[in-house]
Amino acid sequence: MHFFYNTNKILFILIFIISYWFNSIVNANIYIVDNFKFSEKISNIKKNRSNIIDKIKIQAFEELKKRLLVQDDLKLIKSNDEGLNLIDNFIIKDEIQINQDYQFVVSVKFNPDKVKNFFKSQNIRFVDYKGDPLLIFYFEKDKSGKMNIWNNDNFYEIFFSFQDFLIEYVSPGGDLKDQSSVIFDNNIKMKDIKVNKLLNNYGLKNYLVIFFDKNYPNNIRAKLSIKNTVYYKSFLFDGNFDSIIPKLKFFVENIWKEQNIFNIENTTLITYTFYPKDIISLNTFKKIISKNKNISQQNIQFISKKKMTGSFIFSGSEDDLIENLESQKVKINKKNKNWDIYLNE
């Protein structure tokens, strides 16, 4: 009997650890700058290859900064040289000679904890998790004024060929239900475009609508709705989707980061003891904590079938955090900054 009890206890802990590890791996992928291309004159490489490698690493850190920071905060880091100290792994995947230039294709894995600690030491806000899925909907008008709403596979193919880290995009399938959910007049204006029915088809709340009127070939317009806040922006268009799509995605990600940024100026460390009923309640609690956008640096110190102790840092109002957790059937007994937590099921 004692043997089976210990076996169940071990399985209980292993299941939780594997689940926690998987989520950590997914999050860590945001810190990998993969297939990064860097070109340099062959003559410069011959002079000092090691300096060129450092230069590549610094440029990769610049790429990571753009991924994690809002645009206005990029200028707060005066030098990218610190990026050299934040790298776990550097791999040269390919080297290609193009005339008198030499192109490196590399993968740079940054250490998440070191990067976050560096940002915090500089009082820089950051975000490193994926947001809720967002519906991307593209349509265009030809020069005769005819709307093309559903036959735009070329745009979506190029759009999804660019890797995403913080936003998960979903495109409509265009079936009969979708088509009946979106009916546009030829003279419709961006502010009047509504896609609520289309969103409901996919259980989504946020969307990005992109409109290209070929009567104005140098202009693409976008309407973005995130958390019921609507943004409009126009982009100069050279006729090449490969050049405009990164700008569209940067526009979306920057606004999303502004809304969800981790503000280090208002953070609190909470230590807790959670009392699970079973492995299901333990995983449920873990998911609730993981999905909270204002919680970071989760640290599990001890885990057993009867309790789990740990800590986390949250950004914002403690009252708002408690209200959010209690709305998800989490019961909290506060003892200053030490919490006893239960799950009401």
Protein backbone atom coordinates (compact mmCIF):
# COMPACT_ATOMS: atom_id res chain seq x y z
CA MET A 1 0.00 0.00 0.00
CA HIS A 2 2.83 2.34 0.89
CA PHE A 3 4.51 1.53 -2.44
CA PHE A 4 1.42 2.48 -4.45
CA TYR A 5 1.02 5.71 -2.50
CA ASN A 6 4.59 6.74 -3.32
CA THR A 7 4.14 5.73 -6.97
CA ASN A 8 1.02 7.87 -7.29
CA LYS A 9 2.80 10.75 -5.61
CA ILE A 10 5.71 10.51 -8.05
CA LEU A 11 3.36 10.34 -11.05
CA PHE A 12 1.45 13.34 -9.71
CA ILE A 13 4.63 15.41 -9.52
CA LEU A 14 5.96 14.20 -12.89
CA ILE A 15 2.76 15.11 -14.73
CA PHE A 16 2.85 18.60 -13.29
CA ILE A 17 6.56 19.10 -14.02
CA ILE A 18 6.16 17.96 -17.65
CA SER A 19 3.23 20.33 -18.16
CA TYR A 20 5.12 23.22 -16.58
CA TRP A 21 8.24 22.43 -18.61
CA PHE A 22 6.30 22.38 -21.89
CA ASN A 23 4.83 25.83 -21.27
CA SER A 24 8.28 27.15 -20.38
CA ILE A 25 9.70 25.80 -23.64
CA VAL A 26 6.97 27.49 -25.69
CA ASN A 27 7.65 30.79 -23.95
CA ALA A 28 11.43 30.41 -24.35
CA ASN A 29 11.07 30.18 -28.14
CA ILE A 30 10.35 33.91 -28.15
CA TYR A 31 13.97 34.39 -27.09
CA ILE A 32 15.41 32.54 -30.10
CA VAL A 33 16.34 34.69 -33.10
CA ASP A 34 16.42 32.02 -35.79
CA ASN A 35 17.46 32.15 -39.45
CA PHE A 36 18.87 35.61 -38.88
CA LYS A 37 20.76 36.87 -41.95
CA PHE A 38 23.77 39.15 -41.83
CA SER A 39 25.94 40.26 -44.76
CA GLU A 40 29.46 41.65 -44.69
CA LYS A 41 32.24 42.36 -47.15
CA ILE A 42 34.56 39.39 -47.57
CA SER A 43 37.55 41.67 -47.09
CA ASN A 44 36.28 42.71 -43.64
CA ILE A 45 35.72 39.12 -42.58
CA LYS A 46 39.26 38.17 -43.51
CA LYS A 47 40.60 40.97 -41.31
CA ASN A 48 38.80 39.94 -38.12
CA ARG A 49 36.17 37.21 -38.20
CA SER A 50 35.60 37.25 -34.42
CA ASN A 51 34.61 40.93 -34.51
CA ILE A 52 32.11 40.17 -37.26
CA ILE A 53 30.60 37.36 -35.17
CA ASP A 54 30.16 39.78 -32.26
CA LYS A 55 28.56 42.24 -34.66
CA ILE A 56 26.06 39.56 -35.73
CA LYS A 57 25.19 38.80 -32.11
CA ILE A 58 24.63 42.49 -31.40
CA GLN A 59 22.35 42.81 -34.42
CA ALA A 60 20.41 39.73 -33.28
CA PHE A 61 19.89 41.40 -29.91
CA GLU A 62 18.49 44.42 -31.74
CA GLU A 63 16.02 42.06 -33.41
CA LEU A 64 15.04 40.59 -30.04
CA LYS A 65 14.50 44.08 -28.60
CA LYS A 66 12.08 44.92 -31.39
CA ARG A 67 10.22 41.74 -30.57
CA LEU A 68 9.85 42.35 -26.82
CA LEU A 69 9.83 46.14 -26.36
CA VAL A 70 7.42 48.84 -27.43
CA GLN A 71 8.76 51.16 -30.10
CA ASP A 72 9.17 54.17 -27.80
CA ASP A 73 11.35 52.19 -25.38
CA LEU A 74 13.87 50.96 -27.95
CA LYS A 75 15.87 54.17 -27.65
CA LEU A 76 16.30 53.67 -23.89
CA ILE A 77 19.04 51.11 -24.52
CA LYS A 78 21.98 53.21 -25.64
CA SER A 79 24.23 50.31 -26.59
CA ASN A 80 23.46 46.77 -27.73
CA ASP A 81 26.85 45.48 -26.61
CA GLU A 82 25.23 44.08 -23.46
CA GLY A 83 23.51 41.57 -25.72
CA LEU A 84 26.81 39.69 -25.97
CA ASN A 85 26.41 38.69 -22.30
CA LEU A 86 22.84 37.45 -22.67
CA ILE A 87 23.38 34.60 -25.14
CA ASP A 88 23.04 30.91 -24.32
CA ASN A 89 23.82 29.51 -27.74
CA PHE A 90 25.05 30.78 -31.12
CA ILE A 91 24.93 28.60 -34.24
CA ILE A 92 26.06 29.46 -37.77
CA LYS A 93 23.59 27.52 -39.90
CA ASP A 94 24.93 28.56 -43.29
CA GLU A 95 27.54 30.76 -44.97
CA ILE A 96 26.97 31.98 -48.53
CA GLN A 97 29.24 34.02 -50.77
CA ILE A 98 27.38 36.52 -52.95
CA ASN A 99 29.84 38.35 -55.21
CA GLN A 100 32.09 40.32 -52.85
CA ASP A 101 29.77 39.86 -49.88
CA TYR A 102 29.50 37.01 -47.42
CA GLN A 103 26.13 36.16 -45.87
CA PHE A 104 25.76 34.39 -42.54
CA VAL A 105 22.55 32.61 -41.55
CA VAL A 106 22.55 32.11 -37.79
CA SER A 107 20.44 31.06 -34.83
CA VAL A 108 20.91 32.97 -31.58
CA LYS A 109 19.36 31.69 -28.37
CA PHE A 110 19.14 34.32 -25.66
CA ASN A 111 18.79 33.43 -21.98
CA PRO A 112 15.26 34.52 -20.93
CA ASP A 113 16.17 35.23 -17.29
CA LYS A 114 19.28 37.22 -18.18
CA VAL A 115 17.37 39.27 -20.76
CA LYS A 116 14.52 40.05 -18.37
CA ASN A 117 16.92 40.94 -15.57
CA PHE A 118 18.79 43.25 -17.92
CA PHE A 119 15.59 45.04 -18.95
CA LYS A 120 14.57 45.42 -15.32
CA SER A 121 17.98 46.78 -14.35
CA GLN A 122 17.45 49.47 -16.99
CA ASN A 123 13.83 50.14 -15.92
CA ILE A 124 12.60 49.05 -19.33
CA ARG A 125 9.15 47.59 -19.89
CA PHE A 126 8.81 44.37 -21.87
CA VAL A 127 6.39 41.65 -22.91
CA ASP A 128 7.29 38.05 -23.74
CA TYR A 129 4.08 36.03 -24.10
CA LYS A 130 1.55 35.40 -26.84
CA GLY A 131 -1.71 37.30 -26.88
CA ASP A 132 -5.18 36.02 -27.67
CA PRO A 133 -5.76 34.98 -31.30
CA LEU A 134 -6.62 37.77 -33.71
CA LEU A 135 -8.69 37.49 -36.89
CA ILE A 136 -6.93 38.84 -39.99
CA PHE A 137 -9.33 39.83 -42.78
CA TYR A 138 -8.15 41.24 -46.12
CA PHE A 139 -10.27 42.53 -48.98
CA GLU A 140 -9.72 44.77 -51.98
CA LYS A 141 -11.54 46.83 -54.58
CA ASP A 142 -10.54 46.76 -58.24
CA LYS A 143 -10.44 49.82 -60.49
CA SER A 144 -13.99 49.19 -61.70
CA GLY A 145 -15.23 49.42 -58.11
CA LYS A 146 -15.91 45.71 -57.67
CA MET A 147 -15.18 44.24 -54.24
CA ASN A 148 -13.01 41.14 -53.92
CA ILE A 149 -13.64 39.79 -50.44
CA TRP A 150 -12.87 36.09 -50.55
CA ASN A 151 -10.45 35.33 -53.39
CA ASN A 152 -7.30 36.64 -51.73
CA ASP A 153 -5.29 33.49 -51.05
CA ASN A 154 -2.10 35.11 -52.32
CA PHE A 155 -2.21 37.76 -49.60
CA TYR A 156 -2.84 35.26 -46.80
CA GLU A 157 -0.11 32.94 -48.07
CA ILE A 158 2.46 35.73 -47.90
CA PHE A 159 1.07 37.05 -44.61
CA PHE A 160 1.50 33.72 -42.83
CA SER A 161 4.94 33.13 -44.35
CA PHE A 162 6.30 35.69 -41.87
CA GLN A 163 6.94 34.22 -38.43
CA ASP A 164 4.90 35.53 -35.50
CA PHE A 165 5.92 35.55 -31.85
CA LEU A 166 3.48 37.60 -29.81
CA ILE A 167 0.31 37.44 -31.92
CA GLU A 168 -1.47 34.38 -33.24
CA TYR A 169 -3.39 35.25 -36.41
CA VAL A 170 -6.40 33.38 -37.75
CA SER A 171 -7.73 33.85 -41.29
CA PRO A 172 -11.37 33.17 -42.23
CA GLY A 173 -12.05 29.99 -44.17
CA GLY A 174 -14.51 31.72 -46.48
CA ASP A 175 -17.27 29.10 -46.34
CA LEU A 176 -20.92 29.97 -46.89
CA LYS A 177 -21.40 30.90 -43.24
CA ASP A 178 -18.44 33.29 -43.41
CA GLN A 179 -19.64 34.81 -46.66
CA SER A 180 -23.09 35.45 -45.26
CA SER A 181 -21.48 37.12 -42.23
CA VAL A 182 -19.69 39.81 -44.25
CA ILE A 183 -21.51 41.97 -46.80
CA PHE A 184 -19.84 45.20 -47.90
CA ASP A 185 -21.21 47.99 -50.03
CA ASN A 186 -18.81 49.12 -52.77
CA ASN A 187 -18.61 52.56 -51.15
CA ILE A 188 -18.12 51.38 -47.58
CA LYS A 189 -15.74 53.34 -45.37
CA MET A 190 -13.25 51.78 -42.98
CA LYS A 191 -14.97 53.18 -39.91
CA ASP A 192 -18.22 51.50 -40.97
CA ILE A 193 -16.72 48.04 -41.47
CA LYS A 194 -18.11 45.56 -38.95
CA VAL A 195 -16.98 41.95 -38.69
CA ASN A 196 -18.74 40.95 -35.47
CA LYS A 197 -20.59 38.04 -37.07
CA LEU A 198 -17.38 36.79 -38.64
CA LEU A 199 -15.62 37.00 -35.27
CA ASN A 200 -18.41 34.98 -33.67
CA ASN A 201 -17.89 32.23 -36.24
CA TYR A 202 -14.41 31.71 -34.79
CA GLY A 203 -15.04 32.62 -31.16
CA LEU A 204 -12.67 35.60 -31.39
CA LYS A 205 -12.83 39.15 -30.06
CA ASN A 206 -9.93 40.96 -31.74
CA TYR A 207 -9.42 41.64 -35.43
CA LEU A 208 -7.31 43.32 -38.08
CA VAL A 209 -9.08 44.43 -41.27
CA ILE A 210 -6.89 45.38 -44.24
CA PHE A 211 -8.35 47.16 -47.26
CA PHE A 212 -6.61 47.80 -50.58
CA ASP A 213 -8.40 50.05 -53.06
CA LYS A 214 -6.65 49.70 -56.43
CA ASN A 215 -7.89 53.14 -57.42
CA TYR A 216 -5.37 54.37 -54.85
CA PRO A 217 -2.51 51.92 -55.52
CA ASN A 218 -0.02 53.58 -53.18
CA ASN A 219 -2.14 53.17 -50.09
CA ILE A 220 -3.29 50.30 -47.87
CA ARG A 221 -5.58 50.99 -44.93
CA ALA A 222 -5.86 49.01 -41.72
CA LYS A 223 -8.42 48.87 -38.93
CA LEU A 224 -7.33 47.13 -35.74
CA SER A 225 -9.56 46.29 -32.79
CA ILE A 226 -7.98 44.95 -29.58
CA LYS A 227 -9.88 44.81 -26.30
CA ASN A 228 -12.69 46.89 -27.83
CA THR A 229 -10.31 49.74 -28.68
CA VAL A 230 -10.11 50.60 -32.38
CA TYR A 231 -7.06 51.95 -34.22
CA TYR A 232 -6.71 53.14 -37.82
CA LYS A 233 -3.56 53.46 -39.90
CA SER A 234 -2.64 53.96 -43.56
CA PHE A 235 0.51 52.55 -45.12
CA LEU A 236 2.36 53.53 -48.27
CA PHE A 237 2.24 50.55 -50.61
CA ASP A 238 4.72 49.80 -53.39
CA GLY A 239 2.68 46.90 -54.76
CA ASN A 240 4.78 44.30 -52.93
CA PHE A 241 3.08 42.40 -50.10
CA ASP A 242 6.49 41.19 -48.87
CA SER A 243 7.39 44.74 -47.89
CA ILE A 244 4.05 45.88 -46.45
CA ILE A 245 3.17 42.85 -44.30
CA PRO A 246 6.08 43.28 -41.82
CA LYS A 247 4.92 46.88 -41.32
CA LEU A 248 1.35 45.74 -40.70
CA LYS A 249 2.49 43.16 -38.17
CA PHE A 250 4.75 45.65 -36.43
CA PHE A 251 1.79 48.05 -36.14
CA VAL A 252 -0.36 45.34 -34.53
CA GLU A 253 2.32 44.02 -32.19
CA ASN A 254 3.36 47.46 -30.98
CA ILE A 255 -0.20 48.37 -30.00
CA TRP A 256 -0.74 44.98 -28.38
CA LYS A 257 2.49 45.39 -26.41
CA GLU A 258 1.43 48.86 -25.26
CA GLN A 259 -1.75 47.33 -23.84
CA ASN A 260 -0.10 44.33 -22.21
CA ILE A 261 3.38 45.53 -21.31
CA PHE A 262 4.91 44.35 -18.06
CA ASN A 263 5.47 47.53 -16.07
CA ILE A 264 8.42 47.03 -13.74
CA GLU A 265 7.73 50.28 -11.87
CA ASN A 266 4.68 48.85 -10.10
CA THR A 267 5.43 45.25 -9.18
CA THR A 268 4.90 43.12 -6.08
CA LEU A 269 6.38 39.79 -5.02
CA ILE A 270 3.77 37.33 -3.74
CA THR A 271 4.66 34.07 -2.01
CA TYR A 272 1.90 31.49 -1.79
CA THR A 273 0.89 28.02 -0.71
CA PHE A 274 -1.64 26.32 -2.94
CA TYR A 275 -3.67 23.37 -1.63
CA PRO A 276 -4.81 21.19 -4.56
CA LYS A 277 -7.55 18.60 -4.39
CA ASP A 278 -5.96 16.56 -7.17
CA ILE A 279 -3.76 16.84 -10.27
CA ILE A 280 -6.62 18.43 -12.22
CA SER A 281 -7.03 21.28 -9.75
CA LEU A 282 -3.25 21.75 -9.68
CA ASN A 283 -3.05 22.09 -13.46
CA THR A 284 -6.11 24.34 -13.47
CA PHE A 285 -4.46 26.69 -11.00
CA LYS A 286 -1.23 26.66 -13.01
CA LYS A 287 -3.13 27.60 -16.18
CA ILE A 288 -4.96 30.43 -14.41
CA ILE A 289 -1.67 31.89 -13.20
CA SER A 290 0.07 31.39 -16.56
CA LYS A 291 -2.69 33.14 -18.49
CA ASN A 292 -2.64 36.21 -16.27
CA LYS A 293 -0.77 38.78 -18.35
CA ASN A 294 0.48 40.74 -15.33
CA ILE A 295 2.20 37.80 -13.65
CA SER A 296 5.83 36.95 -14.30
CA GLN A 297 8.78 35.11 -12.75
CA GLN A 298 6.80 32.16 -11.47
CA ASN A 299 8.93 30.13 -9.10
CA ILE A 300 7.84 26.76 -7.69
CA GLN A 301 9.75 25.90 -4.52
CA PHE A 302 8.01 22.73 -3.33
CA ILE A 303 5.31 20.43 -4.65
CA SER A 304 3.48 17.41 -3.26
CA LYS A 305 0.01 15.92 -3.47
CA LYS A 306 -1.16 18.10 -0.58
CA LYS A 307 0.39 21.47 -1.34
CA MET A 308 2.55 23.54 -3.63
CA THR A 309 4.59 26.52 -2.47
CA GLY A 310 5.99 29.15 -4.76
CA SER A 311 6.10 32.81 -5.66
CA PHE A 312 5.44 35.18 -8.53
CA ILE A 313 5.74 38.84 -9.38
CA PHE A 314 2.75 40.77 -10.63
CA SER A 315 2.47 44.19 -12.19
CA GLY A 316 -0.44 46.46 -11.30
CA SER A 317 -3.08 46.64 -8.60
CA GLU A 318 -3.22 43.85 -6.03
CA ASP A 319 -6.98 44.33 -5.72
CA ASP A 320 -7.40 43.87 -9.48
CA LEU A 321 -5.33 40.69 -9.34
CA ILE A 322 -7.41 39.24 -6.50
CA GLU A 323 -10.64 40.16 -8.27
CA ASN A 324 -9.40 38.47 -11.44
CA LEU A 325 -8.40 35.29 -9.61
CA GLU A 326 -11.58 35.10 -7.56
CA SER A 327 -13.66 35.42 -10.74
CA GLN A 328 -12.02 32.13 -11.77
CA LYS A 329 -13.02 30.38 -8.52
CA VAL A 330 -9.69 30.93 -6.79
CA LYS A 331 -10.06 31.50 -3.05
CA ILE A 332 -7.34 33.56 -1.36
CA ASN A 333 -6.55 33.94 2.33
CA LYS A 334 -4.11 36.84 2.64
CA LYS A 335 -1.38 36.98 5.24
CA ASN A 336 0.36 40.19 4.15
CA LYS A 337 2.28 39.15 1.02
CA ASN A 338 1.92 35.44 1.84
CA TRP A 339 -1.21 33.88 0.41
CA ASP A 340 -2.97 30.59 1.10
CA ILE A 341 -4.77 29.65 -2.11
CA TYR A 342 -7.55 27.15 -2.79
CA LEU A 343 -9.59 26.31 -5.86
CA ASN A 344 -13.37 26.29 -5.45
CA GLU A 345 -14.80 23.73 -7.84
